[in-house]
PDB file of N, CA and C in Angstrom:
ATOM      1  N   MET A   1       0.687  -1.357  -0.163  1.00  0.00           N
ATOM      2  CA  MET A   1       0.316  -0.088  -0.343  1.00  0.00           C
ATOM      3  C   MET A   1       0.673   0.980  -0.025  1.00  0.00           C
ATOM      4  N   THR A   2       2.650   0.787  -0.443  1.00  0.00           N
ATOM      5  CA  THR A   2       2.966   2.193  -1.164  1.00  0.00           C
ATOM      6  C   THR A   2       2.849   3.319  -1.234  1.00  0.00           C
ATOM      7  N   GLY A   3       2.927   4.602  -1.212  1.00  0.00           N
ATOM      8  CA  GLY A   3       2.484   6.030  -1.675  1.00  0.00           C
ATOM      9  C   GLY A   3       0.350   6.111  -2.156  1.00  0.00           C
ATOM     10  N   ALA A   4      -0.464   5.301  -1.187  1.00  0.00           N
ATOM     11  CA  ALA A   4      -2.220   4.755  -1.133  1.00  0.00           C
ATOM     12  C   ALA A   4      -2.351   6.164  -0.630  1.00  0.00           C
ATOM     13  N   VAL A   5      -3.072   6.907  -0.772  1.00  0.00           N
ATOM     14  CA  VAL A   5      -3.571   8.225  -0.835  1.00  0.00           C
ATOM     15  C   VAL A   5      -4.943   8.206   0.644  1.00  0.00           C
ATOM     16  N   TRP A   6      -5.337   7.932   2.224  1.00  0.00           N
ATOM     17  CA  TRP A   6      -6.077   7.559   2.698  1.00  0.00           C
ATOM     18  C   TRP A   6      -6.444   9.634   3.192  1.00  0.00           C
ATOM     19  N   ARG A   7      -7.816   8.804   3.660  1.00  0.00           N
ATOM     20  CA  ARG A   7      -9.349   9.683   3.177  1.00  0.00           C
ATOM     21  C   ARG A   7     -10.317   9.860   5.215  1.00  0.00           C
ATOM     22  N   LYS A   8      -9.780   9.843   5.938  1.00  0.00           N
ATOM     23  CA  LYS A   8     -11.467  10.254   6.510  1.00  0.00           C
ATOM     24  C   LYS A   8     -12.945  10.163   6.063  1.00  0.00           C
ATOM     25  N   SER A   9     -13.760  10.110   6.591  1.00  0.00           N
ATOM     26  CA  SER A   9     -14.969  11.338   6.177  1.00  0.00           C
ATOM     27  C   SER A   9     -14.512  11.866   6.640  1.00  0.00           C
ATOM     28  N   SER A  10     -15.056  13.401   5.751  1.00  0.00           N
ATOM     29  CA  SER A  10     -15.414  15.034   6.536  1.00  0.00           C
ATOM     30  C   SER A  10     -16.345  14.584   7.820  1.00  0.00           C
ATOM     31  N   ALA A  11     -16.861  13.684   9.147  1.00  0.00           N
ATOM     32  CA  ALA A  11     -17.916  13.392  10.075  1.00  0.00           C
ATOM     33  C   ALA A  11     -16.946  13.048  10.723  1.00  0.00           C
ATOM     34  N   SER A  12     -15.023  13.459  10.367  1.00  0.00           N
ATOM     35  CA  SER A  12     -14.759  12.583  11.615  1.00  0.00           C
ATOM     36  C   SER A  12     -14.594  14.089  12.583  1.00  0.00           C
ATOM     37  N   ASN A  13     -14.775  13.521  13.651  1.00  0.00           N
ATOM     38  CA  ASN A  13     -14.187  14.301  14.825  1.00  0.00           C
ATOM     39  C   ASN A  13     -12.941  14.674  15.224  1.00  0.00           C
ATOM     40  N   GLY A  14     -12.661  14.352  14.490  1.00  0.00           N
ATOM     41  CA  GLY A  14     -10.132  14.510  14.578  1.00  0.00           C
ATOM     42  C   GLY A  14     -10.367  13.664  15.578  1.00  0.00           C
ATOM     43  N   GLN A  15     -10.670  12.725  16.283  1.00  0.00           N
ATOM     44  CA  GLN A  15     -10.708  11.419  16.300  1.00  0.00           C
ATOM     45  C   GLN A  15      -9.519  10.779  15.600  1.00  0.00           C
ATOM     46  N   ALA A  16      -9.200   9.864  16.320  1.00  0.00           N
ATOM     47  CA  ALA A  16      -8.468   8.435  15.711  1.00  0.00           C
ATOM     48  C   ALA A  16      -9.630   7.222  15.805  1.00  0.00           C
ATOM     49  N   GLU A  17     -10.172   7.246  15.871  1.00  0.00           N
ATOM     50  CA  GLU A  17     -10.804   6.169  16.234  1.00  0.00           C
ATOM     51  C   GLU A  17     -11.955   5.926  14.930  1.00  0.00           C
ATOM     52  N   CYS A  18     -11.642   6.052  13.912  1.00  0.00           N
ATOM     53  CA  CYS A  18     -12.684   6.063  12.357  1.00  0.00           C
ATOM     54  C   CYS A  18     -11.437   4.759  11.031  1.00  0.00           C
ATOM     55  N   VAL A  19     -12.378   4.821  10.254  1.00  0.00           N
ATOM     56  CA  VAL A  19     -11.842   4.096   9.201  1.00  0.00           C
ATOM     57  C   VAL A  19     -11.451   5.332   8.139  1.00  0.00           C
ATOM     58  N   GLU A  20     -10.659   4.853   7.677  1.00  0.00           N
ATOM     59  CA  GLU A  20     -10.274   4.892   6.266  1.00  0.00           C
ATOM     60  C   GLU A  20     -10.359   4.457   4.836  1.00  0.00           C
ATOM     61  N   VAL A  21     -10.585   4.987   4.401  1.00  0.00           N
ATOM     62  CA  VAL A  21      -9.961   4.895   2.069  1.00  0.00           C
ATOM     63  C   VAL A  21      -8.730   5.501   1.687  1.00  0.00           C
ATOM     64  N   ALA A  22      -8.771   4.332   0.637  1.00  0.00           N
ATOM     65  CA  ALA A  22      -7.228   4.868  -0.239  1.00  0.00           C
ATOM     66  C   ALA A  22      -8.033   3.963  -1.370  1.00  0.00           C
ATOM     67  N   PHE A  23      -8.078   5.619  -3.026  1.00  0.00           N
ATOM     68  CA  PHE A  23      -7.944   4.406  -3.876  1.00  0.00           C
ATOM     69  C   PHE A  23      -6.912   4.201  -4.274  1.00  0.00           C
ATOM     70  N   VAL A  24      -6.651   2.901  -4.948  1.00  0.00           N
ATOM     71  CA  VAL A  24      -6.025   2.474  -5.052  1.00  0.00           C
ATOM     72  C   VAL A  24      -6.398   1.441  -6.892  1.00  0.00           C
ATOM     73  N   GLN A  25      -4.927   2.060  -8.347  1.00  0.00           N
ATOM     74  CA  GLN A  25      -5.951   1.435  -8.817  1.00  0.00           C
ATOM     75  C   GLN A  25      -7.463   0.551  -8.889  1.00  0.00           C
ATOM     76  N   ASP A  26      -7.293   0.303  -9.330  1.00  0.00           N
ATOM     77  CA  ASP A  26      -9.364  -0.612  -9.456  1.00  0.00           C
ATOM     78  C   ASP A  26      -9.608  -1.069  -8.928  1.00  0.00           C
ATOM     79  N   ALA A  27      -9.059  -0.827  -7.412  1.00  0.00           N
ATOM     80  CA  ALA A  27      -9.545  -0.934  -5.741  1.00  0.00           C
ATOM     81  C   ALA A  27      -9.816   0.021  -5.010  1.00  0.00           C
ATOM     82  N   VAL A  28     -10.808  -0.434  -3.931  1.00  0.00           N
ATOM     83  CA  VAL A  28     -10.495   0.549  -2.492  1.00  0.00           C
ATOM     84  C   VAL A  28     -10.336  -0.521  -1.787  1.00  0.00           C
ATOM     85  N   ALA A  29      -8.888   0.168  -0.903  1.00  0.00           N
ATOM     86  CA  ALA A  29      -8.506  -0.232   0.602  1.00  0.00           C
ATOM     87  C   ALA A  29      -9.232   0.047   1.583  1.00  0.00           C
ATOM     88  N   MET A  30      -9.597  -0.301   2.853  1.00  0.00           N
ATOM     89  CA  MET A  30     -10.230   0.755   4.085  1.00  0.00           C
ATOM     90  C   MET A  30      -9.343   0.230   4.894  1.00  0.00           C
ATOM     91  N   ARG A  31      -9.310   0.251   6.225  1.00  0.00           N
ATOM     92  CA  ARG A  31      -8.484   0.110   7.376  1.00  0.00           C
ATOM     93  C   ARG A  31      -9.053   1.047   8.365  1.00  0.00           C
ATOM     94  N   ASP A  32      -8.373   0.768   9.262  1.00  0.00           N
ATOM     95  CA  ASP A  32      -8.834   1.247  11.112  1.00  0.00           C
ATOM     96  C   ASP A  32      -7.753   2.909  11.299  1.00  0.00           C
ATOM     97  N   SER A  33      -8.383   3.919  11.408  1.00  0.00           N
ATOM     98  CA  SER A  33      -7.186   5.007  11.742  1.00  0.00           C
ATOM     99  C   SER A  33      -6.121   4.183  12.900  1.00  0.00           C
ATOM    100  N   LYS A  34      -6.624   3.526  13.865  1.00  0.00           N
ATOM    101  CA  LYS A  34      -5.925   3.110  15.191  1.00  0.00           C
ATOM    102  C   LYS A  34      -5.291   2.877  14.459  1.00  0.00           C
ATOM    103  N   ARG A  35      -4.884   2.008  13.741  1.00  0.00           N
ATOM    104  CA  ARG A  35      -3.611   1.156  12.938  1.00  0.00           C
ATOM    105  C   ARG A  35      -3.401   0.994  11.905  1.00  0.00           C
ATOM    106  N   PRO A  36      -2.680   2.687  12.025  1.00  0.00           N
ATOM    107  CA  PRO A  36      -2.208   2.746   9.901  1.00  0.00           C
ATOM    108  C   PRO A  36      -1.532   1.569   9.258  1.00  0.00           C
ATOM    109  N   THR A  37      -1.041   1.202  10.727  1.00  0.00           N
ATOM    110  CA  THR A  37       0.602   0.340  10.098  1.00  0.00           C
ATOM    111  C   THR A  37      -0.440  -1.411   9.831  1.00  0.00           C
ATOM    112  N   GLY A  38      -0.855  -1.412  10.393  1.00  0.00           N
ATOM    113  CA  GLY A  38      -1.672  -3.096  10.756  1.00  0.00           C
ATOM    114  C   GLY A  38      -2.538  -3.400   8.994  1.00  0.00           C
ATOM    115  N   GLY A  39      -3.655  -4.389   8.698  1.00  0.00           N
ATOM    116  CA  GLY A  39      -3.722  -4.940   8.024  1.00  0.00           C
ATOM    117  C   GLY A  39      -4.942  -3.801   6.666  1.00  0.00           C
ATOM    118  N   ALA A  40      -4.917  -4.463   5.886  1.00  0.00           N
ATOM    119  CA  ALA A  40      -6.184  -3.548   4.731  1.00  0.00           C
ATOM    120  C   ALA A  40      -7.786  -3.926   4.323  1.00  0.00           C
ATOM    121  N   LEU A  41      -8.787  -4.117   4.510  1.00  0.00           N
ATOM    122  CA  LEU A  41      -9.745  -4.920   3.395  1.00  0.00           C
ATOM    123  C   LEU A  41      -9.350  -4.040   2.426  1.00  0.00           C
ATOM    124  N   MET A  42      -9.521  -4.889   1.228  1.00  0.00           N
ATOM    125  CA  MET A  42      -9.687  -4.368  -0.167  1.00  0.00           C
ATOM    126  C   MET A  42     -10.892  -4.956  -1.240  1.00  0.00           C
ATOM    127  N   PHE A  43     -11.234  -4.106  -1.846  1.00  0.00           N
ATOM    128  CA  PHE A  43     -12.794  -4.328  -1.818  1.00  0.00           C
ATOM    129  C   PHE A  43     -12.735  -3.919  -3.686  1.00  0.00           C
ATOM    130  N   SER A  44     -12.737  -4.455  -4.586  1.00  0.00           N
ATOM    131  CA  SER A  44     -13.194  -4.246  -6.186  1.00  0.00           C
ATOM    132  C   SER A  44     -13.718  -2.760  -6.332  1.00  0.00           C
ATOM    133  N   CYS A  45     -13.900  -1.858  -7.191  1.00  0.00           N
ATOM    134  CA  CYS A  45     -15.060  -1.075  -6.775  1.00  0.00           C
ATOM    135  C   CYS A  45     -16.522  -1.015  -7.543  1.00  0.00           C
ATOM    136  N   ASP A  46     -16.602  -2.195  -8.179  1.00  0.00           N
ATOM    137  CA  ASP A  46     -17.562  -3.409  -7.934  1.00  0.00           C
ATOM    138  C   ASP A  46     -18.693  -3.537  -6.181  1.00  0.00           C
ATOM    139  N   GLU A  47     -18.231  -3.625  -5.310  1.00  0.00           N
ATOM    140  CA  GLU A  47     -18.306  -4.374  -4.304  1.00  0.00           C
ATOM    141  C   GLU A  47     -17.934  -2.866  -3.422  1.00  0.00           C
ATOM    142  N   TRP A  48     -17.692  -2.126  -3.599  1.00  0.00           N
ATOM    143  CA  TRP A  48     -17.035  -1.295  -3.141  1.00  0.00           C
ATOM    144  C   TRP A  48     -18.665   0.070  -2.700  1.00  0.00           C
ATOM    145  N   HIS A  49     -18.975  -0.149  -4.594  1.00  0.00           N
ATOM    146  CA  HIS A  49     -20.261   0.822  -5.116  1.00  0.00           C
ATOM    147  C   HIS A  49     -21.310   0.193  -4.482  1.00  0.00           C
ATOM    148  N   THR A  50     -21.306  -1.249  -4.366  1.00  0.00           N
ATOM    149  CA  THR A  50     -22.386  -2.156  -3.998  1.00  0.00           C
ATOM    150  C   THR A  50     -22.741  -1.707  -2.185  1.00  0.00           C
ATOM    151  N   PHE A  51     -21.573  -1.376  -1.557  1.00  0.00           N
ATOM    152  CA  PHE A  51     -21.464  -1.245   0.211  1.00  0.00           C
ATOM    153  C   PHE A  51     -22.116   0.315   0.354  1.00  0.00           C
ATOM    154  N   VAL A  52     -22.152   1.042  -0.780  1.00  0.00           N
ATOM    155  CA  VAL A  52     -21.511   2.091  -0.243  1.00  0.00           C
ATOM    156  C   VAL A  52     -23.779   2.546  -0.156  1.00  0.00           C
ATOM    157  N   GLY A  53     -23.930   1.828  -1.106  1.00  0.00           N
ATOM    158  CA  GLY A  53     -25.277   2.177  -2.039  1.00  0.00           C
ATOM    159  C   GLY A  53     -26.331   1.960  -0.386  1.00  0.00           C
ATOM    160  N   SER A  54     -25.634   0.908  -0.527  1.00  0.00           N
ATOM    161  CA  SER A  54     -26.598  -0.010   1.283  1.00  0.00           C
ATOM    162  C   SER A  54     -25.989   0.810   1.895  1.00  0.00           C
ATOM    163  N   VAL A  55     -25.541   1.510   2.489  1.00  0.00           N
ATOM    164  CA  VAL A  55     -25.023   2.074   3.569  1.00  0.00           C
ATOM    165  C   VAL A  55     -26.135   3.021   3.361  1.00  0.00           C
ATOM    166  N   GLY A  56     -26.035   3.539   2.012  1.00  0.00           N
ATOM    167  CA  GLY A  56     -27.131   5.344   1.241  1.00  0.00           C
ATOM    168  C   GLY A  56     -28.325   5.030   1.799  1.00  0.00           C
ATOM    169  N   ASP A  57     -28.567   3.528   1.966  1.00  0.00           N
ATOM    170  CA  ASP A  57     -29.771   3.445   1.588  1.00  0.00           C
ATOM    171  C   ASP A  57     -30.885   2.755   2.792  1.00  0.00           C
ATOM    172  N   GLY A  58     -30.080   3.044   3.517  1.00  0.00           N
ATOM    173  CA  GLY A  58     -30.505   2.021   4.902  1.00  0.00           C
ATOM    174  C   GLY A  58     -30.704   0.731   5.331  1.00  0.00           C
ATOM    175  N   GLY A  59     -29.246   0.411   4.657  1.00  0.00           N
ATOM    176  CA  GLY A  59     -29.458  -1.568   4.281  1.00  0.00           C
ATOM    177  C   GLY A  59     -28.461  -2.014   5.483  1.00  0.00           C
ATOM    178  N   LEU A  60     -27.653  -0.702   6.059  1.00  0.00           N
ATOM    179  CA  LEU A  60     -27.346  -1.706   6.848  1.00  0.00           C
ATOM    180  C   LEU A  60     -27.508  -1.668   8.256  1.00  0.00           C
ATOM    181  N   ASN A  61     -28.428  -1.411   8.036  1.00  0.00           N
ATOM    182  CA  ASN A  61     -29.057  -0.525   9.610  1.00  0.00           C
ATOM    183  C   ASN A  61     -29.404  -1.759  10.580  1.00  0.00           C
ATOM    184  N   ARG A  62     -28.961  -2.052  11.473  1.00  0.00           N
ATOM    185  CA  ARG A  62     -29.513  -3.172  12.876  1.00  0.00           C
ATOM    186  C   ARG A  62     -30.579  -3.076  12.496  1.00  0.00           C
ATOM    187  N   PRO A  63     -31.660  -3.838  13.060  1.00  0.00           N
ATOM    188  CA  PRO A  63     -32.815  -4.022  13.641  1.00  0.00           C
ATOM    189  C   PRO A  63     -33.359  -3.955  14.642  1.00  0.00           C
TER     190      PRO A  63
END
């Protein structure tokens, strides 16, 4: 992940307790901001768009 540009949500309150994403080649990486040298989850662009769409539609809300 050398050279990846990690971004936090603009809604982040400046704390280190959030997730960060980086767009790398044809994939999206997501990591825990508290562990920047730890592992990252990798998603294809299609998977990422499905995830973001589900969040926006409320499809991931707990019952």
